[in-house]
All heavy atoms as atom14 arrays in JSON, in Angstrom:
{
  "sequence": "IKGSGKSGLLTIDVPGQEVIERTAVTLTPKSIIVCLSVGLPAQGRRV",
  "atom14_mask": [
    [1, 1, 1, 1, 1, 1, 1, 1, 0, 0, 0, 0, 0, 0],
    [1, 1, 1, 1, 1, 1, 1, 1, 1, 0, 0, 0, 0, 0],
    [1, 1, 1, 1, 0, 0, 0, 0, 0, 0, 0, 0, 0, 0],
    [1, 1, 1, 1, 1, 1, 0, 0, 0, 0, 0, 0, 0, 0],
    [1, 1, 1, 1, 0, 0, 0, 0, 0, 0, 0, 0, 0, 0],
    [1, 1, 1, 1, 1, 1, 1, 1, 1, 0, 0, 0, 0, 0],
    [1, 1, 1, 1, 1, 1, 0, 0, 0, 0, 0, 0, 0, 0],
    [1, 1, 1, 1, 0, 0, 0, 0, 0, 0, 0, 0, 0, 0],
    [1, 1, 1, 1, 1, 1, 1, 1, 0, 0, 0, 0, 0, 0],
    [1, 1, 1, 1, 1, 1, 1, 1, 0, 0, 0, 0, 0, 0],
    [1, 1, 1, 1, 1, 1, 1, 0, 0, 0, 0, 0, 0, 0],
    [1, 1, 1, 1, 1, 1, 1, 1, 0, 0, 0, 0, 0, 0],
    [1, 1, 1, 1, 1, 1, 1, 1, 0, 0, 0, 0, 0, 0],
    [1, 1, 1, 1, 1, 1, 1, 0, 0, 0, 0, 0, 0, 0],
    [1, 1, 1, 1, 1, 1, 1, 0, 0, 0, 0, 0, 0, 0],
    [1, 1, 1, 1, 0, 0, 0, 0, 0, 0, 0, 0, 0, 0],
    [1, 1, 1, 1, 1, 1, 1, 1, 1, 0, 0, 0, 0, 0],
    [1, 1, 1, 1, 1, 1, 1, 1, 1, 0, 0, 0, 0, 0],
    [1, 1, 1, 1, 1, 1, 1, 0, 0, 0, 0, 0, 0, 0],
    [1, 1, 1, 1, 1, 1, 1, 1, 0, 0, 0, 0, 0, 0],
    [1, 1, 1, 1, 1, 1, 1, 1, 1, 0, 0, 0, 0, 0],
    [1, 1, 1, 1, 1, 1, 1, 1, 1, 1, 1, 0, 0, 0],
    [1, 1, 1, 1, 1, 1, 1, 0, 0, 0, 0, 0, 0, 0],
    [1, 1, 1, 1, 1, 0, 0, 0, 0, 0, 0, 0, 0, 0],
    [1, 1, 1, 1, 1, 1, 1, 0, 0, 0, 0, 0, 0, 0],
    [1, 1, 1, 1, 1, 1, 1, 0, 0, 0, 0, 0, 0, 0],
    [1, 1, 1, 1, 1, 1, 1, 1, 0, 0, 0, 0, 0, 0],
    [1, 1, 1, 1, 1, 1, 1, 0, 0, 0, 0, 0, 0, 0],
    [1, 1, 1, 1, 1, 1, 1, 0, 0, 0, 0, 0, 0, 0],
    [1, 1, 1, 1, 1, 1, 1, 1, 1, 0, 0, 0, 0, 0],
    [1, 1, 1, 1, 1, 1, 0, 0, 0, 0, 0, 0, 0, 0],
    [1, 1, 1, 1, 1, 1, 1, 1, 0, 0, 0, 0, 0, 0],
    [1, 1, 1, 1, 1, 1, 1, 1, 0, 0, 0, 0, 0, 0],
    [1, 1, 1, 1, 1, 1, 1, 0, 0, 0, 0, 0, 0, 0],
    [1, 1, 1, 1, 1, 1, 0, 0, 0, 0, 0, 0, 0, 0],
    [1, 1, 1, 1, 1, 1, 1, 1, 0, 0, 0, 0, 0, 0],
    [1, 1, 1, 1, 1, 1, 0, 0, 0, 0, 0, 0, 0, 0],
    [1, 1, 1, 1, 1, 1, 1, 0, 0, 0, 0, 0, 0, 0],
    [1, 1, 1, 1, 0, 0, 0, 0, 0, 0, 0, 0, 0, 0],
    [1, 1, 1, 1, 1, 1, 1, 1, 0, 0, 0, 0, 0, 0],
    [1, 1, 1, 1, 1, 1, 1, 0, 0, 0, 0, 0, 0, 0],
    [1, 1, 1, 1, 1, 0, 0, 0, 0, 0, 0, 0, 0, 0],
    [1, 1, 1, 1, 1, 1, 1, 1, 1, 0, 0, 0, 0, 0],
    [1, 1, 1, 1, 0, 0, 0, 0, 0, 0, 0, 0, 0, 0],
    [1, 1, 1, 1, 1, 1, 1, 1, 1, 1, 1, 0, 0, 0],
    [1, 1, 1, 1, 1, 1, 1, 1, 1, 1, 1, 0, 0, 0],
    [1, 1, 1, 1, 1, 1, 1, 0, 0, 0, 0, 0, 0, 0]
  ],
  "atom14_positions": [
    [[94.31, 160.9, 52.28], [93.2, 160.73, 53.21], [92.48, 162.07, 53.38], [93.09, 163.08, 53.7], [93.69, 160.23, 54.59], [94.58, 158.99, 54.43], [92.5, 159.94, 55.5], [93.89, 157.81, 53.79], [0.0, 0.0, 0.0], [0.0, 0.0, 0.0], [0.0, 0.0, 0.0], [0.0, 0.0, 0.0], [0.0, 0.0, 0.0], [0.0, 0.0, 0.0]],
    [[91.18, 162.07, 53.16], [90.38, 163.3, 53.24], [89.45, 163.28, 54.45], [89.17, 162.23, 55.01], [89.57, 163.48, 51.95], [90.39, 163.39, 50.67], [91.45, 164.46, 50.6], [92.25, 164.36, 49.3], [93.34, 165.37, 49.25], [0.0, 0.0, 0.0], [0.0, 0.0, 0.0], [0.0, 0.0, 0.0], [0.0, 0.0, 0.0], [0.0, 0.0, 0.0]],
    [[88.94, 164.46, 54.8], [87.98, 164.53, 55.89], [88.04, 165.86, 56.6], [88.71, 166.8, 56.16], [0.0, 0.0, 0.0], [0.0, 0.0, 0.0], [0.0, 0.0, 0.0], [0.0, 0.0, 0.0], [0.0, 0.0, 0.0], [0.0, 0.0, 0.0], [0.0, 0.0, 0.0], [0.0, 0.0, 0.0], [0.0, 0.0, 0.0], [0.0, 0.0, 0.0]],
    [[87.37, 165.95, 57.73], [87.26, 167.19, 58.49], [88.44, 167.35, 59.46], [89.06, 166.37, 59.88], [85.96, 167.21, 59.3], [84.85, 166.98, 58.46], [0.0, 0.0, 0.0], [0.0, 0.0, 0.0], [0.0, 0.0, 0.0], [0.0, 0.0, 0.0], [0.0, 0.0, 0.0], [0.0, 0.0, 0.0], [0.0, 0.0, 0.0], [0.0, 0.0, 0.0]],
    [[88.71, 168.62, 59.81], [89.72, 168.88, 60.83], [91.08, 168.34, 60.47], [91.61, 168.58, 59.38], [0.0, 0.0, 0.0], [0.0, 0.0, 0.0], [0.0, 0.0, 0.0], [0.0, 0.0, 0.0], [0.0, 0.0, 0.0], [0.0, 0.0, 0.0], [0.0, 0.0, 0.0], [0.0, 0.0, 0.0], [0.0, 0.0, 0.0], [0.0, 0.0, 0.0]],
    [[91.64, 167.54, 61.37], [92.98, 166.99, 61.17], [92.94, 165.6, 60.55], [93.9, 164.83, 60.65], [93.72, 166.95, 62.5], [93.98, 168.36, 63.08], [94.84, 168.28, 64.33], [95.28, 169.67, 64.78], [94.32, 170.36, 65.61], [0.0, 0.0, 0.0], [0.0, 0.0, 0.0], [0.0, 0.0, 0.0], [0.0, 0.0, 0.0], [0.0, 0.0, 0.0]],
    [[91.86, 165.28, 59.88], [91.7, 163.96, 59.27], [92.87, 163.61, 58.35], [93.25, 164.39, 57.49], [90.41, 163.91, 58.45], [89.28, 164.0, 59.28], [0.0, 0.0, 0.0], [0.0, 0.0, 0.0], [0.0, 0.0, 0.0], [0.0, 0.0, 0.0], [0.0, 0.0, 0.0], [0.0, 0.0, 0.0], [0.0, 0.0, 0.0], [0.0, 0.0, 0.0]],
    [[93.44, 162.44, 58.57], [94.5, 161.94, 57.7], [95.88, 162.47, 58.02], [96.87, 162.06, 57.41], [0.0, 0.0, 0.0], [0.0, 0.0, 0.0], [0.0, 0.0, 0.0], [0.0, 0.0, 0.0], [0.0, 0.0, 0.0], [0.0, 0.0, 0.0], [0.0, 0.0, 0.0], [0.0, 0.0, 0.0], [0.0, 0.0, 0.0], [0.0, 0.0, 0.0]],
    [[95.98, 163.37, 58.98], [97.29, 163.91, 59.36], [98.15, 162.81, 59.98], [97.72, 162.1, 60.88], [97.1, 165.04, 60.37], [98.38, 165.72, 60.87], [99.01, 166.55, 59.77], [98.07, 166.6, 62.09], [0.0, 0.0, 0.0], [0.0, 0.0, 0.0], [0.0, 0.0, 0.0], [0.0, 0.0, 0.0], [0.0, 0.0, 0.0], [0.0, 0.0, 0.0]],
    [[99.35, 162.66, 59.49], [100.31, 161.7, 60.04], [101.63, 162.43, 60.19], [102.2, 162.91, 59.2], [100.46, 160.48, 59.13], [101.46, 159.41, 59.58], [101.06, 158.82, 60.92], [101.57, 158.29, 58.53], [0.0, 0.0, 0.0], [0.0, 0.0, 0.0], [0.0, 0.0, 0.0], [0.0, 0.0, 0.0], [0.0, 0.0, 0.0], [0.0, 0.0, 0.0]],
    [[102.12, 162.53, 61.41], [103.35, 163.3, 61.64], [104.24, 162.59, 62.65], [103.79, 161.77, 63.46], [103.06, 164.71, 62.16], [102.38, 164.62, 63.42], [102.23, 165.51, 61.18], [0.0, 0.0, 0.0], [0.0, 0.0, 0.0], [0.0, 0.0, 0.0], [0.0, 0.0, 0.0], [0.0, 0.0, 0.0], [0.0, 0.0, 0.0], [0.0, 0.0, 0.0]],
    [[105.52, 162.95, 62.58], [106.49, 162.56, 63.58], [107.23, 163.83, 63.97], [107.28, 164.8, 63.21], [107.47, 161.48, 63.05], [108.3, 160.89, 64.21], [108.37, 162.04, 61.94], [109.04, 159.61, 63.83], [0.0, 0.0, 0.0], [0.0, 0.0, 0.0], [0.0, 0.0, 0.0], [0.0, 0.0, 0.0], [0.0, 0.0, 0.0], [0.0, 0.0, 0.0]],
    [[107.77, 163.85, 65.17], [108.48, 165.04, 65.65], [109.83, 165.12, 64.95], [110.85, 164.66, 65.46], [108.65, 164.94, 67.17], [109.32, 166.17, 67.76], [109.11, 167.27, 67.2], [110.04, 166.03, 68.76], [0.0, 0.0, 0.0], [0.0, 0.0, 0.0], [0.0, 0.0, 0.0], [0.0, 0.0, 0.0], [0.0, 0.0, 0.0], [0.0, 0.0, 0.0]],
    [[109.83, 165.73, 63.78], [111.02, 165.74, 62.92], [112.04, 166.75, 63.43], [111.7, 167.85, 63.83], [110.64, 166.05, 61.46], [110.01, 167.41, 61.31], [111.83, 165.89, 60.53], [0.0, 0.0, 0.0], [0.0, 0.0, 0.0], [0.0, 0.0, 0.0], [0.0, 0.0, 0.0], [0.0, 0.0, 0.0], [0.0, 0.0, 0.0], [0.0, 0.0, 0.0]],
    [[113.32, 166.38, 63.43], [114.37, 167.3, 63.93], [114.69, 168.4, 62.92], [114.33, 168.34, 61.74], [115.59, 166.38, 64.11], [115.08, 164.97, 63.96], [113.85, 165.05, 63.12], [0.0, 0.0, 0.0], [0.0, 0.0, 0.0], [0.0, 0.0, 0.0], [0.0, 0.0, 0.0], [0.0, 0.0, 0.0], [0.0, 0.0, 0.0], [0.0, 0.0, 0.0]],
    [[115.41, 169.41, 63.41], [115.98, 170.43, 62.54], [117.38, 170.04, 62.13], [117.66, 168.87, 61.85], [0.0, 0.0, 0.0], [0.0, 0.0, 0.0], [0.0, 0.0, 0.0], [0.0, 0.0, 0.0], [0.0, 0.0, 0.0], [0.0, 0.0, 0.0], [0.0, 0.0, 0.0], [0.0, 0.0, 0.0], [0.0, 0.0, 0.0], [0.0, 0.0, 0.0]],
    [[118.3, 170.99, 62.12], [119.67, 170.72, 61.68], [120.52, 170.09, 62.79], [121.55, 169.48, 62.51], [120.33, 172.02, 61.21], [119.67, 172.66, 60.0], [119.73, 171.78, 58.77], [118.74, 171.15, 58.39], [120.88, 171.71, 58.14], [0.0, 0.0, 0.0], [0.0, 0.0, 0.0], [0.0, 0.0, 0.0], [0.0, 0.0, 0.0], [0.0, 0.0, 0.0]],
    [[120.07, 170.25, 64.04], [120.83, 169.71, 65.16], [120.45, 168.26, 65.45], [119.33, 167.83, 65.17], [120.6, 170.56, 66.42], [121.23, 171.94, 66.37], [120.45, 172.94, 65.54], [119.25, 172.67, 65.28], [121.02, 173.98, 65.15], [0.0, 0.0, 0.0], [0.0, 0.0, 0.0], [0.0, 0.0, 0.0], [0.0, 0.0, 0.0], [0.0, 0.0, 0.0]],
    [[121.39, 167.52, 66.02], [121.14, 166.14, 66.45], [120.98, 166.16, 67.96], [121.95, 166.38, 68.69], [122.3, 165.22, 66.03], [122.04, 163.79, 66.52], [122.49, 165.24, 64.53], [0.0, 0.0, 0.0], [0.0, 0.0, 0.0], [0.0, 0.0, 0.0], [0.0, 0.0, 0.0], [0.0, 0.0, 0.0], [0.0, 0.0, 0.0], [0.0, 0.0, 0.0]],
    [[119.74, 165.96, 68.42], [119.42, 166.08, 69.84], [118.64, 164.85, 70.28], [117.82, 164.31, 69.53], [118.57, 167.35, 70.09], [119.31, 168.6, 69.61], [118.22, 167.49, 71.57], [118.49, 169.87, 69.68], [0.0, 0.0, 0.0], [0.0, 0.0, 0.0], [0.0, 0.0, 0.0], [0.0, 0.0, 0.0], [0.0, 0.0, 0.0], [0.0, 0.0, 0.0]],
    [[118.9, 164.4, 71.49], [118.15, 163.28, 72.05], [116.68, 163.66, 72.1], [116.3, 164.72, 72.57], [118.67, 162.97, 73.45], [118.0, 161.78, 74.1], [118.53, 161.5, 75.5], [119.44, 162.24, 75.95], [118.03, 160.57, 76.14], [0.0, 0.0, 0.0], [0.0, 0.0, 0.0], [0.0, 0.0, 0.0], [0.0, 0.0, 0.0], [0.0, 0.0, 0.0]],
    [[115.82, 162.75, 71.6], [114.38, 163.03, 71.56], [113.61, 161.73, 71.76], [114.19, 160.64, 71.79], [113.99, 163.72, 70.25], [114.25, 162.92, 69.0], [113.87, 163.69, 67.74], [114.62, 164.91, 67.61], [114.08, 166.14, 67.63], [112.78, 166.29, 67.79], [114.82, 167.19, 67.48], [0.0, 0.0, 0.0], [0.0, 0.0, 0.0], [0.0, 0.0, 0.0]],
    [[112.3, 161.85, 71.88], [111.46, 160.69, 72.16], [110.71, 160.17, 70.94], [109.95, 159.22, 71.04], [110.43, 161.02, 73.26], [109.66, 162.15, 72.83], [111.12, 161.33, 74.57], [0.0, 0.0, 0.0], [0.0, 0.0, 0.0], [0.0, 0.0, 0.0], [0.0, 0.0, 0.0], [0.0, 0.0, 0.0], [0.0, 0.0, 0.0], [0.0, 0.0, 0.0]],
    [[110.9, 160.79, 69.78], [110.16, 160.36, 68.58], [110.49, 158.93, 68.21], [109.61, 158.16, 67.79], [110.48, 161.29, 67.42], [0.0, 0.0, 0.0], [0.0, 0.0, 0.0], [0.0, 0.0, 0.0], [0.0, 0.0, 0.0], [0.0, 0.0, 0.0], [0.0, 0.0, 0.0], [0.0, 0.0, 0.0], [0.0, 0.0, 0.0], [0.0, 0.0, 0.0]],
    [[111.75, 158.55, 68.34], [112.21, 157.19, 68.05], [113.13, 156.75, 69.18], [114.01, 157.51, 69.61], [112.95, 157.1, 66.71], [113.59, 155.73, 66.53], [112.01, 157.4, 65.55], [0.0, 0.0, 0.0], [0.0, 0.0, 0.0], [0.0, 0.0, 0.0], [0.0, 0.0, 0.0], [0.0, 0.0, 0.0], [0.0, 0.0, 0.0], [0.0, 0.0, 0.0]],
    [[112.92, 155.54, 69.66], [113.77, 155.01, 70.73], [114.27, 153.62, 70.33], [113.49, 152.75, 69.94], [113.0, 154.89, 72.05], [112.47, 156.17, 72.4], [113.9, 154.4, 73.17], [0.0, 0.0, 0.0], [0.0, 0.0, 0.0], [0.0, 0.0, 0.0], [0.0, 0.0, 0.0], [0.0, 0.0, 0.0], [0.0, 0.0, 0.0], [0.0, 0.0, 0.0]],
    [[115.58, 153.44, 70.42], [116.19, 152.14, 70.19], [116.39, 151.46, 71.54], [117.17, 151.91, 72.37], [117.54, 152.3, 69.49], [117.51, 152.57, 67.99], [118.87, 153.07, 67.5], [117.12, 151.31, 67.23], [0.0, 0.0, 0.0], [0.0, 0.0, 0.0], [0.0, 0.0, 0.0], [0.0, 0.0, 0.0], [0.0, 0.0, 0.0], [0.0, 0.0, 0.0]],
    [[115.64, 150.39, 71.78], [115.83, 149.56, 72.97], [116.65, 148.34, 72.56], [116.87, 148.11, 71.36], [114.48, 149.13, 73.56], [113.89, 148.14, 72.7], [113.54, 150.32, 73.71], [0.0, 0.0, 0.0], [0.0, 0.0, 0.0], [0.0, 0.0, 0.0], [0.0, 0.0, 0.0], [0.0, 0.0, 0.0], [0.0, 0.0, 0.0], [0.0, 0.0, 0.0]],
    [[117.1, 147.52, 73.51], [117.9, 146.35, 73.12], [117.2, 145.43, 72.12], [117.86, 144.8, 71.29], [118.13, 145.64, 74.46], [118.14, 146.75, 75.46], [117.09, 147.72, 74.98], [0.0, 0.0, 0.0], [0.0, 0.0, 0.0], [0.0, 0.0, 0.0], [0.0, 0.0, 0.0], [0.0, 0.0, 0.0], [0.0, 0.0, 0.0], [0.0, 0.0, 0.0]],
    [[115.87, 145.36, 72.16], [115.16, 144.43, 71.29], [114.23, 145.09, 70.28], [113.79, 144.42, 69.33], [114.34, 143.44, 72.13], [115.2, 142.51, 72.97], [114.34, 141.47, 73.68], [115.22, 140.48, 74.46], [114.4, 139.44, 75.15], [0.0, 0.0, 0.0], [0.0, 0.0, 0.0], [0.0, 0.0, 0.0], [0.0, 0.0, 0.0], [0.0, 0.0, 0.0]],
    [[113.93, 146.37, 70.46], [112.9, 147.0, 69.61], [113.32, 148.37, 69.12], [114.22, 149.0, 69.68], [111.58, 147.13, 70.39], [111.14, 145.89, 70.86], [0.0, 0.0, 0.0], [0.0, 0.0, 0.0], [0.0, 0.0, 0.0], [0.0, 0.0, 0.0], [0.0, 0.0, 0.0], [0.0, 0.0, 0.0], [0.0, 0.0, 0.0], [0.0, 0.0, 0.0]],
    [[112.63, 148.82, 68.06], [112.67, 150.21, 67.63], [111.26, 150.75, 67.84], [110.3, 150.25, 67.23], [113.08, 150.33, 66.15], [114.46, 149.73, 65.92], [113.05, 151.8, 65.71], [114.87, 149.67, 64.46], [0.0, 0.0, 0.0], [0.0, 0.0, 0.0], [0.0, 0.0, 0.0], [0.0, 0.0, 0.0], [0.0, 0.0, 0.0], [0.0, 0.0, 0.0]],
    [[111.14, 151.73, 68.71], [109.81, 152.27, 69.04], [109.65, 153.62, 68.35], [110.44, 154.54, 68.58], [109.64, 152.41, 70.55], [109.85, 151.06, 71.24], [108.26, 152.98, 70.88], [109.86, 151.13, 72.75], [0.0, 0.0, 0.0], [0.0, 0.0, 0.0], [0.0, 0.0, 0.0], [0.0, 0.0, 0.0], [0.0, 0.0, 0.0], [0.0, 0.0, 0.0]],
    [[108.64, 153.73, 67.51], [108.36, 154.94, 66.75], [107.08, 155.57, 67.27], [106.04, 154.91, 67.34], [108.22, 154.64, 65.25], [107.87, 155.9, 64.47], [109.49, 153.99, 64.71], [0.0, 0.0, 0.0], [0.0, 0.0, 0.0], [0.0, 0.0, 0.0], [0.0, 0.0, 0.0], [0.0, 0.0, 0.0], [0.0, 0.0, 0.0], [0.0, 0.0, 0.0]],
    [[107.15, 156.84, 67.65], [105.97, 157.56, 68.16], [105.41, 158.47, 67.06], [106.14, 159.29, 66.51], [106.33, 158.39, 69.38], [106.86, 157.41, 70.8], [0.0, 0.0, 0.0], [0.0, 0.0, 0.0], [0.0, 0.0, 0.0], [0.0, 0.0, 0.0], [0.0, 0.0, 0.0], [0.0, 0.0, 0.0], [0.0, 0.0, 0.0], [0.0, 0.0, 0.0]],
    [[104.14, 158.33, 66.77], [103.5, 159.08, 65.7], [102.25, 159.79, 66.21], [101.6, 159.32, 67.15], [103.11, 158.15, 64.55], [104.23, 157.41, 63.84], [103.66, 156.33, 62.93], [105.1, 158.37, 63.05], [0.0, 0.0, 0.0], [0.0, 0.0, 0.0], [0.0, 0.0, 0.0], [0.0, 0.0, 0.0], [0.0, 0.0, 0.0], [0.0, 0.0, 0.0]],
    [[101.91, 160.89, 65.57], [100.64, 161.56, 65.79], [99.77, 161.35, 64.56], [100.24, 161.55, 63.43], [100.85, 163.06, 66.04], [101.58, 163.27, 67.23], [0.0, 0.0, 0.0], [0.0, 0.0, 0.0], [0.0, 0.0, 0.0], [0.0, 0.0, 0.0], [0.0, 0.0, 0.0], [0.0, 0.0, 0.0], [0.0, 0.0, 0.0], [0.0, 0.0, 0.0]],
    [[98.52, 160.95, 64.78], [97.64, 160.58, 63.66], [96.29, 161.26, 63.84], [95.66, 161.15, 64.9], [97.45, 159.05, 63.57], [96.59, 158.7, 62.36], [98.79, 158.33, 63.52], [0.0, 0.0, 0.0], [0.0, 0.0, 0.0], [0.0, 0.0, 0.0], [0.0, 0.0, 0.0], [0.0, 0.0, 0.0], [0.0, 0.0, 0.0], [0.0, 0.0, 0.0]],
    [[95.83, 161.96, 62.8], [94.49, 162.52, 62.8], [93.51, 161.51, 62.24], [93.53, 161.23, 61.03], [0.0, 0.0, 0.0], [0.0, 0.0, 0.0], [0.0, 0.0, 0.0], [0.0, 0.0, 0.0], [0.0, 0.0, 0.0], [0.0, 0.0, 0.0], [0.0, 0.0, 0.0], [0.0, 0.0, 0.0], [0.0, 0.0, 0.0], [0.0, 0.0, 0.0]],
    [[92.69, 160.94, 63.1], [91.73, 159.92, 62.65], [90.65, 160.58, 61.8], [90.05, 161.58, 62.21], [91.13, 159.2, 63.85], [92.14, 158.38, 64.67], [91.5, 157.85, 65.94], [92.68, 157.22, 63.83], [0.0, 0.0, 0.0], [0.0, 0.0, 0.0], [0.0, 0.0, 0.0], [0.0, 0.0, 0.0], [0.0, 0.0, 0.0], [0.0, 0.0, 0.0]],
    [[90.37, 160.05, 60.61], [89.5, 160.73, 59.64], [88.02, 160.75, 60.03], [87.51, 159.8, 60.63], [89.72, 159.93, 58.36], [90.24, 158.61, 58.78], [90.98, 158.83, 60.05], [0.0, 0.0, 0.0], [0.0, 0.0, 0.0], [0.0, 0.0, 0.0], [0.0, 0.0, 0.0], [0.0, 0.0, 0.0], [0.0, 0.0, 0.0], [0.0, 0.0, 0.0]],
    [[87.38, 161.86, 59.68], [85.97, 162.03, 59.99], [85.31, 162.87, 58.92], [85.96, 163.66, 58.23], [85.8, 162.7, 61.35], [0.0, 0.0, 0.0], [0.0, 0.0, 0.0], [0.0, 0.0, 0.0], [0.0, 0.0, 0.0], [0.0, 0.0, 0.0], [0.0, 0.0, 0.0], [0.0, 0.0, 0.0], [0.0, 0.0, 0.0], [0.0, 0.0, 0.0]],
    [[84.02, 162.7, 58.78], [83.2, 163.58, 57.96], [82.3, 164.32, 58.93], [81.41, 163.73, 59.54], [82.36, 162.77, 56.97], [81.54, 163.64, 56.02], [82.42, 164.47, 55.1], [83.37, 163.95, 54.51], [82.13, 165.76, 54.98], [0.0, 0.0, 0.0], [0.0, 0.0, 0.0], [0.0, 0.0, 0.0], [0.0, 0.0, 0.0], [0.0, 0.0, 0.0]],
    [[82.57, 165.62, 59.11], [81.93, 166.32, 60.21], [82.48, 165.75, 61.5], [83.68, 165.82, 61.75], [0.0, 0.0, 0.0], [0.0, 0.0, 0.0], [0.0, 0.0, 0.0], [0.0, 0.0, 0.0], [0.0, 0.0, 0.0], [0.0, 0.0, 0.0], [0.0, 0.0, 0.0], [0.0, 0.0, 0.0], [0.0, 0.0, 0.0], [0.0, 0.0, 0.0]],
    [[81.59, 165.16, 62.3], [82.04, 164.49, 63.51], [81.62, 163.03, 63.52], [81.33, 162.45, 64.58], [81.53, 165.23, 64.75], [82.32, 166.5, 65.04], [81.83, 167.24, 66.26], [82.77, 168.27, 66.68], [82.88, 169.47, 66.11], [82.11, 169.77, 65.08], [83.76, 170.34, 66.56], [0.0, 0.0, 0.0], [0.0, 0.0, 0.0], [0.0, 0.0, 0.0]],
    [[81.66, 162.43, 62.32], [81.34, 161.01, 62.2], [82.54, 160.24, 61.65], [83.3, 160.75, 60.83], [80.12, 160.8, 61.31], [78.85, 161.41, 61.9], [77.58, 160.78, 61.36], [76.41, 161.18, 62.15], [76.02, 160.57, 63.25], [76.68, 159.5, 63.68], [74.96, 160.99, 63.93], [0.0, 0.0, 0.0], [0.0, 0.0, 0.0], [0.0, 0.0, 0.0]],
    [[82.7, 159.04, 62.15], [83.85, 158.19, 61.81], [83.83, 157.85, 60.32], [82.81, 157.44, 59.77], [83.82, 156.89, 62.65], [84.85, 155.89, 62.13], [84.02, 157.2, 64.12], [0.0, 0.0, 0.0], [0.0, 0.0, 0.0], [0.0, 0.0, 0.0], [0.0, 0.0, 0.0], [0.0, 0.0, 0.0], [0.0, 0.0, 0.0], [0.0, 0.0, 0.0]]
  ]
}
């Protein structure tokens, strides 16, 4: 994905070597909730 600024950026809060409770992914009794950061693509400042 190309564009200006953070266009096309897709990230998750990835851990290091340690296993620590975090909010990037949450297992609930019925769901797996994944939190992502996304750079919506633009050319200049147009969609």
